[in-house]
Amino acid sequence: MEILVWAAHVLLAIVLIVLVLLQHGKGADMGAAFGGGSAGSLFGASGSATFLSRATSFVAALFFATSMSLTYLSMNQTGNSKVMSIMDQVEESESASGDEVEKKSSLEQGSDAQEIEGSSKVNQIPE
């Protein structure tokens, strides 16, 4: 069901983009304001709606409906994909890796201490 809604949503998005790009904008008639014959349509009512504008509004309504249905479907999913369960797994892995880091850092500190004993007194930090 969700796959069908996704497919319809993507198809409607493509159709909506094409319909918007096909339409003739109001700004294209700017030359009419400077002496053309249809200057009243630039700032006034443009008359009845064309087929493209009606189709665009219909496709936009369908796009809105698919967007809302995808939101509804995503909110009602049941599964282990919750954010809290993912965060719990991260905390468990961090606590397990934290023990390894502490062991590793203590070994590194021991090797650093041996290097300091062999180095000159200039590089040693007074305690």
Protein backbone atom coordinates (compact mmCIF):
# COMPACT_ATOMS: atom_id res chain seq x y z
CA MET A 1 0.00 0.00 0.00
CA GLU A 2 2.72 2.44 0.98
CA ILE A 3 4.71 1.67 -2.17
CA LEU A 4 1.71 2.55 -4.34
CA VAL A 5 1.26 5.85 -2.52
CA TRP A 6 4.97 6.62 -2.94
CA ALA A 7 4.79 5.86 -6.66
CA ALA A 8 1.72 8.07 -7.09
CA HIS A 9 3.38 10.84 -5.04
CA VAL A 10 6.52 10.88 -7.20
CA LEU A 11 4.48 10.74 -10.42
CA LEU A 12 2.25 13.60 -9.24
CA ALA A 13 5.32 15.66 -8.31
CA ILE A 14 6.74 15.25 -11.82
CA VAL A 15 3.41 16.08 -13.46
CA LEU A 16 2.99 19.13 -11.22
CA ILE A 17 6.43 20.44 -12.15
CA VAL A 18 5.72 19.97 -15.86
CA LEU A 19 2.33 21.68 -15.62
CA VAL A 20 3.77 24.68 -13.79
CA LEU A 21 6.58 25.05 -16.33
CA LEU A 22 4.16 24.86 -19.26
CA GLN A 23 2.01 27.75 -18.07
CA HIS A 24 2.33 31.26 -19.39
CA GLY A 25 3.30 33.64 -16.59
CA LYS A 26 1.77 37.07 -15.97
CA GLY A 27 5.17 38.72 -16.13
CA ALA A 28 5.55 37.64 -19.76
CA ASP A 29 2.95 40.23 -20.76
CA MET A 30 4.97 43.10 -19.33
CA GLY A 31 5.36 44.56 -22.81
CA ALA A 32 1.60 45.03 -22.91
CA ALA A 33 1.87 47.58 -20.09
CA PHE A 34 4.00 49.82 -22.32
CA GLY A 35 1.62 50.20 -25.23
CA GLY A 36 0.38 46.70 -26.01
CA GLY A 37 -3.23 45.85 -26.56
CA SER A 38 -3.96 43.80 -23.41
CA ALA A 39 -2.53 45.93 -20.62
CA GLY A 40 -5.58 45.36 -18.40
CA SER A 41 -4.82 41.66 -18.02
CA LEU A 42 -1.46 42.37 -16.36
CA PHE A 43 -2.86 44.01 -13.25
CA GLY A 44 -6.52 43.03 -13.45
CA ALA A 45 -8.45 39.79 -13.62
CA SER A 46 -7.20 37.42 -16.26
CA GLY A 47 -10.62 36.03 -17.10
CA SER A 48 -11.64 32.40 -16.94
CA ALA A 49 -9.21 29.74 -15.86
CA THR A 50 -7.43 27.83 -18.58
CA PHE A 51 -7.15 24.07 -18.87
CA LEU A 52 -3.56 24.15 -17.59
CA SER A 53 -4.45 26.14 -14.48
CA ARG A 54 -7.35 23.81 -13.67
CA ALA A 55 -5.19 20.74 -14.23
CA THR A 56 -2.47 22.23 -12.04
CA SER A 57 -4.87 22.85 -9.18
CA PHE A 58 -6.27 19.31 -9.49
CA VAL A 59 -2.80 17.72 -9.50
CA ALA A 60 -1.75 19.94 -6.58
CA ALA A 61 -4.77 18.74 -4.57
CA LEU A 62 -3.87 15.11 -5.34
CA PHE A 63 -0.24 15.79 -4.38
CA PHE A 64 -1.41 17.26 -1.07
CA ALA A 65 -3.59 14.19 -0.46
CA THR A 66 -0.70 11.79 -1.11
CA SER A 67 1.55 13.86 1.17
CA MET A 68 -0.97 13.63 3.99
CA SER A 69 -1.50 9.91 3.44
CA LEU A 70 2.26 9.26 3.52
CA THR A 71 2.43 11.16 6.80
CA TYR A 72 -0.41 9.07 8.19
CA LEU A 73 1.21 5.81 7.04
CA SER A 74 4.58 6.74 8.53
CA MET A 75 3.03 7.62 11.91
CA ASN A 76 1.18 4.31 12.18
CA GLN A 77 4.09 1.99 11.43
CA THR A 78 4.77 -0.71 13.99
CA GLY A 79 8.26 -2.05 14.21
CA ASN A 80 11.64 -1.68 15.84
CA SER A 81 12.51 1.52 13.99
CA LYS A 82 11.89 3.81 16.94
CA VAL A 83 14.40 6.51 17.76
CA MET A 84 14.57 5.59 21.43
CA SER A 85 15.45 1.97 20.70
CA ILE A 86 18.25 3.13 18.39
CA MET A 87 19.56 5.49 21.07
CA ASP A 88 19.46 2.70 23.64
CA GLN A 89 21.58 0.53 21.36
CA VAL A 90 24.11 3.35 20.92
CA GLU A 91 24.39 3.84 24.69
CA GLU A 92 24.95 0.10 25.20
CA SER A 93 27.66 -0.03 22.55
CA GLU A 94 29.33 3.08 24.01
CA SER A 95 29.43 1.57 27.49
CA ALA A 96 30.92 -1.63 26.10
CA SER A 97 33.51 0.25 24.05
CA GLY A 98 34.21 2.59 26.99
CA ASP A 99 35.69 -0.32 28.97
CA GLU A 100 37.97 -1.16 26.04
CA VAL A 101 39.02 2.49 25.70
CA GLU A 102 39.91 2.67 29.41
CA LYS A 103 42.06 -0.47 29.17
CA LYS A 104 43.73 0.83 26.02
CA SER A 105 44.38 4.28 27.49
CA SER A 106 45.97 2.80 30.61
CA LEU A 107 48.30 0.75 28.42
CA GLU A 108 49.19 3.83 26.38
CA GLN A 109 49.88 5.83 29.55
CA GLY A 110 52.31 3.15 30.69
CA SER A 111 54.20 3.30 27.39
CA ASP A 112 54.20 7.12 27.55
CA ALA A 113 55.70 6.98 31.04
CA GLN A 114 58.52 4.78 29.76
CA GLU A 115 59.23 7.26 26.95
CA ILE A 116 59.31 10.18 29.40
CA GLU A 117 61.84 8.42 31.64
CA GLY A 118 64.23 8.07 28.71
CA SER A 119 63.81 11.63 27.44
CA SER A 120 65.62 14.74 28.58
CA LYS A 121 64.52 16.80 31.58
CA VAL A 122 63.45 19.68 29.34
CA ASN A 123 60.50 17.68 27.95
CA GLN A 124 59.30 16.48 31.35
CA ILE A 125 56.45 18.26 33.08
CA PRO A 126 57.09 18.95 36.79
CA GLU A 127 54.59 17.40 39.15
